[in-house]
Amino acid sequence: MANPSKILSRITNPLTLLLIATALAAGVAALAYIYLQKREASIKDELAARSQRKETPMVRVVVPKTDAKVNTIFNTNNFVARPVEADLVYPDSILADDFPSMEGMKLARPVLRGRPVRLTDLQQPDVADVATVVPPGSRAMTIDIDNLNSIAQTLRPNHHVDIFLISRAPKPQRLNGAPTDDKALEQATLFMQDMVVLATGKEFQDVAHTPEDQANKMVRPGEVEGASEKNFDSITLLVKPAEAAKLMVGQRMGSFRVVLRGKQDHTPLALRPLRAGDLMPAAERGRDGSIEFIVGGSRGNMVTQLTVPPSQQALMAAAQQALSPLPAMPGAPAPSAAPTDPAAASPANLPIPALRASAKGSP
């Protein structure tokens, strides 16, 4: 039988301990290797299954071949199609399928090589022939405006506006011949409403065929850096023939003031003309405080009489009451009859208002 002390001494031998530690380490390494191999295979299978279930969609967008400058023409010589992952594309990026409908447009800002072109990078299309953008049955008519009348140069094609006519009302005929203040006759009339702006200055837009959301994202030619015409002093309206005739007559009657409508506001309005006299205080409108009698004929016949104001009626009633004979005192002698004087009984000496058609005894 082996001695336990000898067995213990052999186990505690450094060489034996090293062999045992090496064997344990080799076993742990083998287990770790087997686990990692299985985990790697599981991840590969999972990725393969995921890629088979859902592939990333690709779209073809338009990009410039080289760095494109402002006013570069949008054509196949300068631009090509490039596949890009769908989740990396902006909503307003120009797709290759939309390229034919936009060919010939110009860039409004520089675009780097290989970058997708967006609608905001393009200028609104130029109109070479104005007659091509006028719908059948309509006409294009231009009216003059100024900086104030153009909403500070913010009017744009395809805006809707109301047109007010600033004119002078006819002078009223007054019986007393009192003068009329010309400023009180100035009036503003809702002349036409919900009119479509076809052009501002020389900048036209095909309002009938250009989608509004697309046109709003594009840059106006007047806003491009270096543009020759950024300001305008006229607008062109899309009108019917009868409306064109109405505008022509209105231009001779006075001046127009343009009022911008909201994009979704197409409600018809009903407004009466507003005169300057309606805005003046009553004291400034002009009043006639005199009383005029128009008398004709040799017998003093009354032809007409103006209405007496209430204040004047009160004053004349008080005057007549003061001129009435006083009641006789008890025991006083009766008054003698007044001498008959034709001049005193004439209509000119009677109290106002003289309502008699003629005075008896007058020649």
Foldseek 3Di string as FASTA:
>chain_A
DDDVVVVVVVCPPVVNVVVVVVVVVVVVVVVVVVVVVVVVVVVVVVVVVVCVVDPFDKFKFKFFQAWDAWFDFLDPVTIDIDIDGPVVDDPQFHGPVCSVVRGGWTFLGIDGGPDTDGLLRTEADFDPDPVVLFDPQKDKDKDFADCVLCVNLPDAFFFWKWKKFWFFADDDDDPVPDDFDRQQRTKIGRQGGRWGWQGFANGGHSNPPDDPVSNVSYHYQLPRPPRPDVHGGMIMTIGGPVVVVSVVVSVVRGGMGIGTDDPPDPDDDDDDMDGNLVVDPPVPRDDDQDWDWDFDDPQGFTDDTDDHDPVVVVVLVVVVVVPDDDDDDPPDDDDDDDDDDVVCQAQVNDRPPRPDRGTPPDD
